[in-house]
Amino acid sequence: FLFIDNTYLTTDWPYTKIMEDFLNDVKARMGGNTEIKRINLDHKLFSSFRQLSYLPKGYDELVVKTDVVDHIKGLFHQGKLVAVFSTKGYPPLWATDTELSVDIEAQLDFGLNLIVYAIKDR
């Protein structure tokens, strides 16, 4: 299981394009029934540990406010989610030394869901 996230949220580096190209290369190598698509909120990823009814705001919305997207994408192989691709910037929010004065419980829950999903649904 792979989790890819743009932690620096800079527009100086074409992160999104490079990671989309990378995932398309992986998709081509995997062959078969493999696709990259939006991960819907009814996917098990959003309920593997804690029930989330929305995609938590990322660093892109809380701090940087640039290139905000309202979804994450996944690489699915034979219908199974094997990689998550995000431009939300969750890892900086998961850091214990974050200086933001906002509640990040939903972001932490999403991180837990990622871990539990990767372990249980592999």
N, C-alpha and C. Protein backbone atom coordinates (compact mmCIF):
# COMPACT_ATOMS: atom_id res chain seq x y z
N PHE A 1 0.85 -1.18 0.00
CA PHE A 1 0.00 0.00 0.00
C PHE A 1 0.88 1.23 0.00
N LEU A 2 0.52 2.20 -0.83
CA LEU A 2 1.33 3.40 -0.98
C LEU A 2 0.48 4.64 -0.73
N PHE A 3 1.02 5.58 0.05
CA PHE A 3 0.36 6.86 0.27
C PHE A 3 1.29 7.95 -0.20
N ILE A 4 0.82 8.74 -1.16
CA ILE A 4 1.62 9.83 -1.74
C ILE A 4 0.89 11.13 -1.44
N ASP A 5 1.59 12.09 -0.84
CA ASP A 5 0.98 13.38 -0.51
C ASP A 5 1.98 14.50 -0.71
N ASN A 6 1.50 15.61 -1.21
CA ASN A 6 2.33 16.79 -1.43
C ASN A 6 2.45 17.57 -0.12
N THR A 7 3.48 17.32 0.63
CA THR A 7 3.61 17.94 1.94
C THR A 7 4.09 19.37 1.91
N TYR A 8 4.68 19.80 0.81
CA TYR A 8 5.22 21.17 0.76
C TYR A 8 4.32 22.16 0.04
N LEU A 9 3.38 21.66 -0.73
CA LEU A 9 2.38 22.49 -1.39
C LEU A 9 2.97 23.71 -2.09
N THR A 10 4.00 23.47 -2.82
CA THR A 10 4.62 24.57 -3.56
C THR A 10 4.20 24.52 -5.02
N THR A 11 3.97 25.67 -5.59
CA THR A 11 3.64 25.72 -7.01
C THR A 11 4.90 25.85 -7.87
N ASP A 12 6.06 25.98 -7.20
CA ASP A 12 7.33 26.08 -7.92
C ASP A 12 7.78 24.73 -8.48
N TRP A 13 7.22 23.65 -7.97
CA TRP A 13 7.60 22.31 -8.38
C TRP A 13 6.35 21.60 -8.89
N PRO A 14 6.40 21.00 -10.05
CA PRO A 14 5.19 20.38 -10.65
C PRO A 14 4.85 19.03 -10.02
N TYR A 15 4.64 19.03 -8.72
CA TYR A 15 4.37 17.80 -7.97
C TYR A 15 3.24 16.97 -8.57
N THR A 16 2.11 17.62 -8.77
CA THR A 16 0.94 16.88 -9.23
C THR A 16 1.20 16.17 -10.55
N LYS A 17 1.78 16.85 -11.49
CA LYS A 17 2.08 16.26 -12.80
C LYS A 17 3.06 15.09 -12.67
N ILE A 18 4.11 15.28 -11.89
CA ILE A 18 5.12 14.22 -11.72
C ILE A 18 4.50 12.98 -11.06
N MET A 19 3.69 13.17 -10.03
CA MET A 19 3.08 12.04 -9.33
C MET A 19 2.02 11.36 -10.20
N GLU A 20 1.26 12.13 -10.96
CA GLU A 20 0.29 11.52 -11.88
C GLU A 20 1.01 10.69 -12.94
N ASP A 21 2.12 11.20 -13.45
CA ASP A 21 2.92 10.43 -14.42
C ASP A 21 3.46 9.16 -13.78
N PHE A 22 3.94 9.26 -12.54
CA PHE A 22 4.46 8.10 -11.81
C PHE A 22 3.36 7.04 -11.65
N LEU A 23 2.18 7.46 -11.20
CA LEU A 23 1.10 6.50 -11.01
C LEU A 23 0.64 5.89 -12.33
N ASN A 24 0.64 6.67 -13.39
CA ASN A 24 0.29 6.12 -14.70
C ASN A 24 1.31 5.09 -15.16
N ASP A 25 2.59 5.31 -14.84
CA ASP A 25 3.63 4.34 -15.15
C ASP A 25 3.41 3.05 -14.35
N VAL A 26 3.12 3.19 -13.07
CA VAL A 26 2.84 2.02 -12.23
C VAL A 26 1.61 1.28 -12.77
N LYS A 27 0.60 2.02 -13.12
CA LYS A 27 -0.63 1.43 -13.68
C LYS A 27 -0.31 0.61 -14.93
N ALA A 28 0.49 1.16 -15.82
CA ALA A 28 0.85 0.46 -17.06
C ALA A 28 1.64 -0.81 -16.76
N ARG A 29 2.52 -0.74 -15.79
CA ARG A 29 3.32 -1.93 -15.43
C ARG A 29 2.49 -3.01 -14.77
N MET A 30 1.47 -2.60 -14.01
CA MET A 30 0.62 -3.59 -13.33
C MET A 30 -0.29 -4.30 -14.30
N GLY A 31 -0.71 -3.56 -15.33
CA GLY A 31 -1.57 -4.16 -16.35
C GLY A 31 -2.90 -4.62 -15.78
N GLY A 32 -3.58 -5.40 -16.59
CA GLY A 32 -4.86 -5.94 -16.15
C GLY A 32 -5.88 -4.88 -15.83
N ASN A 33 -6.71 -5.17 -14.88
CA ASN A 33 -7.79 -4.28 -14.47
C ASN A 33 -7.24 -3.26 -13.46
N THR A 34 -6.55 -2.24 -13.95
CA THR A 34 -5.95 -1.23 -13.09
C THR A 34 -6.40 0.14 -13.57
N GLU A 35 -6.81 0.98 -12.62
CA GLU A 35 -7.26 2.33 -12.97
C GLU A 35 -6.95 3.33 -11.87
N ILE A 36 -6.84 4.58 -12.27
CA ILE A 36 -6.66 5.69 -11.33
C ILE A 36 -7.95 6.48 -11.35
N LYS A 37 -8.55 6.63 -10.17
CA LYS A 37 -9.81 7.36 -10.10
C LYS A 37 -10.00 7.99 -8.73
N ARG A 38 -10.96 8.87 -8.68
CA ARG A 38 -11.32 9.54 -7.44
C ARG A 38 -11.79 8.50 -6.42
N ILE A 39 -11.40 8.70 -5.15
CA ILE A 39 -11.85 7.80 -4.09
C ILE A 39 -13.12 8.41 -3.50
N ASN A 40 -14.22 7.72 -3.66
CA ASN A 40 -15.50 8.22 -3.15
C ASN A 40 -15.58 8.07 -1.63
N LEU A 41 -16.42 8.90 -1.03
CA LEU A 41 -16.57 8.89 0.42
C LEU A 41 -17.19 7.61 0.96
N ASP A 42 -17.81 6.81 0.10
CA ASP A 42 -18.37 5.54 0.57
C ASP A 42 -17.35 4.39 0.51
N HIS A 43 -16.13 4.70 0.13
CA HIS A 43 -15.08 3.68 0.11
C HIS A 43 -14.70 3.30 1.54
N LYS A 44 -14.27 2.05 1.73
CA LYS A 44 -13.89 1.56 3.06
C LYS A 44 -12.78 2.38 3.71
N LEU A 45 -12.00 3.08 2.92
CA LEU A 45 -10.93 3.92 3.46
C LEU A 45 -11.49 4.95 4.45
N PHE A 46 -12.70 5.41 4.21
CA PHE A 46 -13.30 6.44 5.05
C PHE A 46 -14.05 5.88 6.26
N SER A 47 -13.98 4.56 6.43
CA SER A 47 -14.65 3.96 7.60
C SER A 47 -13.86 2.79 8.18
N SER A 48 -12.61 2.63 7.80
CA SER A 48 -11.84 1.47 8.26
C SER A 48 -11.54 1.51 9.75
N PHE A 49 -11.50 2.69 10.34
CA PHE A 49 -11.29 2.83 11.79
C PHE A 49 -12.32 3.80 12.37
N ARG A 50 -12.32 5.00 11.84
CA ARG A 50 -13.30 6.01 12.24
C ARG A 50 -14.15 6.36 11.03
N GLN A 51 -15.43 6.58 11.27
CA GLN A 51 -16.34 6.94 10.19
C GLN A 51 -16.14 8.42 9.84
N LEU A 52 -15.78 8.68 8.59
CA LEU A 52 -15.63 10.05 8.10
C LEU A 52 -16.65 10.26 6.99
N SER A 53 -17.44 11.29 7.12
CA SER A 53 -18.47 11.57 6.12
C SER A 53 -18.03 12.65 5.13
N TYR A 54 -16.79 13.12 5.30
CA TYR A 54 -16.25 14.15 4.41
C TYR A 54 -14.74 14.02 4.36
N LEU A 55 -14.15 14.57 3.34
CA LEU A 55 -12.70 14.59 3.22
C LEU A 55 -12.18 15.73 4.11
N PRO A 56 -11.37 15.41 5.11
CA PRO A 56 -10.88 16.47 5.99
C PRO A 56 -10.08 17.52 5.23
N LYS A 57 -10.17 18.75 5.70
CA LYS A 57 -9.37 19.82 5.11
C LYS A 57 -7.90 19.48 5.28
N GLY A 58 -7.13 19.85 4.27
CA GLY A 58 -5.70 19.62 4.33
C GLY A 58 -4.95 20.91 4.59
N TYR A 59 -3.65 20.80 4.61
CA TYR A 59 -2.79 21.96 4.78
C TYR A 59 -3.04 22.96 3.66
N ASP A 60 -3.44 22.44 2.49
CA ASP A 60 -3.72 23.31 1.35
C ASP A 60 -4.85 24.29 1.64
N GLU A 61 -5.83 23.87 2.43
CA GLU A 61 -6.96 24.73 2.76
C GLU A 61 -6.75 25.54 4.04
N LEU A 62 -6.06 24.94 5.00
CA LEU A 62 -5.92 25.58 6.31
C LEU A 62 -4.80 26.62 6.35
N VAL A 63 -3.78 26.45 5.53
CA VAL A 63 -2.64 27.35 5.61
C VAL A 63 -2.32 28.00 4.27
N VAL A 64 -2.00 27.18 3.28
CA VAL A 64 -1.49 27.69 2.02
C VAL A 64 -2.58 28.32 1.15
N LYS A 65 -3.74 27.67 1.10
CA LYS A 65 -4.87 28.13 0.30
C LYS A 65 -4.51 28.34 -1.17
N THR A 66 -3.83 27.36 -1.73
CA THR A 66 -3.49 27.40 -3.14
C THR A 66 -3.77 26.03 -3.76
N ASP A 67 -4.25 26.02 -4.95
CA ASP A 67 -4.53 24.77 -5.66
C ASP A 67 -5.35 23.79 -4.83
N VAL A 68 -6.39 24.28 -4.18
CA VAL A 68 -7.22 23.44 -3.32
C VAL A 68 -8.06 22.50 -4.18
N VAL A 69 -8.06 21.22 -3.80
CA VAL A 69 -8.91 20.23 -4.45
C VAL A 69 -9.81 19.60 -3.40
N ASP A 70 -10.95 19.10 -3.84
CA ASP A 70 -11.92 18.55 -2.90
C ASP A 70 -11.97 17.03 -2.93
N HIS A 71 -10.89 16.40 -3.38
CA HIS A 71 -10.89 14.95 -3.47
C HIS A 71 -9.46 14.41 -3.42
N ILE A 72 -9.38 13.11 -3.26
CA ILE A 72 -8.11 12.39 -3.39
C ILE A 72 -8.33 11.30 -4.43
N LYS A 73 -7.26 10.85 -5.02
CA LYS A 73 -7.36 9.80 -6.04
C LYS A 73 -6.72 8.52 -5.52
N GLY A 74 -7.09 7.43 -6.15
CA GLY A 74 -6.53 6.15 -5.79
C GLY A 74 -6.14 5.35 -7.01
N LEU A 75 -5.16 4.50 -6.83
CA LEU A 75 -4.78 3.52 -7.84
C LEU A 75 -5.45 2.22 -7.42
N PHE A 76 -6.31 1.72 -8.27
CA PHE A 76 -7.06 0.50 -7.99
C PHE A 76 -6.57 -0.61 -8.90
N HIS A 77 -6.25 -1.75 -8.31
CA HIS A 77 -5.83 -2.92 -9.08
C HIS A 77 -6.83 -4.03 -8.80
N GLN A 78 -7.51 -4.48 -9.85
CA GLN A 78 -8.55 -5.49 -9.75
C GLN A 78 -9.59 -5.08 -8.70
N GLY A 79 -9.93 -3.79 -8.70
CA GLY A 79 -10.96 -3.27 -7.81
C GLY A 79 -10.49 -2.92 -6.41
N LYS A 80 -9.24 -3.23 -6.09
CA LYS A 80 -8.71 -3.00 -4.75
C LYS A 80 -7.82 -1.76 -4.73
N LEU A 81 -8.04 -0.90 -3.75
CA LEU A 81 -7.23 0.30 -3.60
C LEU A 81 -5.83 -0.09 -3.14
N VAL A 82 -4.82 0.25 -3.94
CA VAL A 82 -3.43 -0.10 -3.61
C VAL A 82 -2.55 1.12 -3.39
N ALA A 83 -3.03 2.30 -3.77
CA ALA A 83 -2.27 3.53 -3.56
C ALA A 83 -3.22 4.71 -3.46
N VAL A 84 -2.88 5.66 -2.59
CA VAL A 84 -3.65 6.89 -2.43
C VAL A 84 -2.77 8.04 -2.87
N PHE A 85 -3.34 8.92 -3.69
CA PHE A 85 -2.63 10.09 -4.20
C PHE A 85 -3.37 11.34 -3.73
N SER A 86 -2.69 12.15 -2.93
CA SER A 86 -3.30 13.34 -2.36
C SER A 86 -2.45 14.58 -2.63
N THR A 87 -3.12 15.69 -2.84
CA THR A 87 -2.42 16.97 -2.91
C THR A 87 -2.87 17.86 -1.75
N LYS A 88 -3.41 17.25 -0.71
CA LYS A 88 -3.99 17.97 0.41
C LYS A 88 -2.95 18.44 1.44
N GLY A 89 -1.84 17.75 1.57
CA GLY A 89 -0.84 18.15 2.56
C GLY A 89 -1.20 17.70 3.98
N TYR A 90 -1.55 16.42 4.14
CA TYR A 90 -1.91 15.93 5.47
C TYR A 90 -0.71 15.73 6.40
N PRO A 91 0.42 15.20 5.95
CA PRO A 91 1.53 14.94 6.88
C PRO A 91 1.96 16.13 7.75
N PRO A 92 2.03 17.37 7.24
CA PRO A 92 2.38 18.47 8.13
C PRO A 92 1.36 18.66 9.26
N LEU A 93 0.11 18.31 9.00
CA LEU A 93 -0.91 18.42 10.04
C LEU A 93 -0.79 17.31 11.07
N TRP A 94 -0.24 16.18 10.67
CA TRP A 94 -0.08 15.07 11.60
C TRP A 94 1.12 15.26 12.53
N ALA A 95 1.98 16.20 12.20
CA ALA A 95 3.17 16.44 13.03
C ALA A 95 2.74 16.94 14.40
N THR A 96 3.43 16.48 15.42
CA THR A 96 3.07 16.86 16.78
C THR A 96 3.42 18.30 17.10
N ASP A 97 4.29 18.90 16.32
CA ASP A 97 4.71 20.26 16.61
C ASP A 97 3.99 21.31 15.76
N THR A 98 2.84 20.94 15.22
CA THR A 98 2.11 21.89 14.39
C THR A 98 1.71 23.10 15.21
N GLU A 99 1.86 24.25 14.64
CA GLU A 99 1.56 25.49 15.35
C GLU A 99 0.20 26.06 14.96
N LEU A 100 -0.58 25.29 14.25
CA LEU A 100 -1.89 25.76 13.84
C LEU A 100 -2.84 25.76 15.04
N SER A 101 -3.68 26.72 15.09
CA SER A 101 -4.65 26.79 16.19
C SER A 101 -6.01 26.29 15.70
N VAL A 102 -5.99 25.14 15.04
CA VAL A 102 -7.23 24.53 14.55
C VAL A 102 -7.30 23.10 15.04
N ASP A 103 -8.50 22.59 15.14
CA ASP A 103 -8.72 21.21 15.55
C ASP A 103 -8.38 20.30 14.37
N ILE A 104 -7.47 19.38 14.56
CA ILE A 104 -7.06 18.48 13.48
C ILE A 104 -7.49 17.04 13.74
N GLU A 105 -8.51 16.85 14.55
CA GLU A 105 -8.97 15.50 14.87
C GLU A 105 -9.38 14.73 13.62
N ALA A 106 -10.10 15.36 12.71
CA ALA A 106 -10.54 14.66 11.49
C ALA A 106 -9.35 14.26 10.64
N GLN A 107 -8.32 15.09 10.58
CA GLN A 107 -7.12 14.79 9.80
C GLN A 107 -6.36 13.61 10.43
N LEU A 108 -6.30 13.59 11.76
CA LEU A 108 -5.66 12.47 12.45
C LEU A 108 -6.46 11.19 12.25
N ASP A 109 -7.78 11.30 12.32
CA ASP A 109 -8.63 10.13 12.06
C ASP A 109 -8.43 9.59 10.65
N PHE A 110 -8.28 10.49 9.69
CA PHE A 110 -8.03 10.05 8.32
C PHE A 110 -6.70 9.29 8.25
N GLY A 111 -5.68 9.79 8.92
CA GLY A 111 -4.39 9.09 8.97
C GLY A 111 -4.52 7.70 9.58
N LEU A 112 -5.28 7.60 10.67
CA LEU A 112 -5.52 6.29 11.28
C LEU A 112 -6.26 5.37 10.31
N ASN A 113 -7.23 5.91 9.61
CA ASN A 113 -7.96 5.12 8.62
C ASN A 113 -7.02 4.58 7.54
N LEU A 114 -6.09 5.41 7.09
CA LEU A 114 -5.11 4.95 6.10
C LEU A 114 -4.33 3.75 6.61
N ILE A 115 -3.84 3.85 7.84
CA ILE A 115 -3.03 2.77 8.42
C ILE A 115 -3.85 1.51 8.60
N VAL A 116 -5.04 1.65 9.18
CA VAL A 116 -5.88 0.48 9.43
C VAL A 116 -6.29 -0.16 8.10
N TYR A 117 -6.66 0.65 7.13
CA TYR A 117 -7.04 0.10 5.82
C TYR A 117 -5.85 -0.67 5.20
N ALA A 118 -4.68 -0.09 5.27
CA ALA A 118 -3.50 -0.74 4.67
C ALA A 118 -3.21 -2.08 5.34
N ILE A 119 -3.45 -2.17 6.63
CA ILE A 119 -3.16 -3.41 7.36
C ILE A 119 -4.28 -4.44 7.16
N LYS A 120 -5.51 -4.01 7.32
CA LYS A 120 -6.64 -4.94 7.27
C LYS A 120 -7.01 -5.38 5.87
N ASP A 121 -6.94 -4.50 4.91
CA ASP A 121 -7.46 -4.79 3.59
C ASP A 121 -6.37 -5.03 2.55
N ARG A 122 -5.25 -5.54 2.98
CA ARG A 122 -4.14 -5.76 2.04
C ARG A 122 -4.37 -7.00 1.31
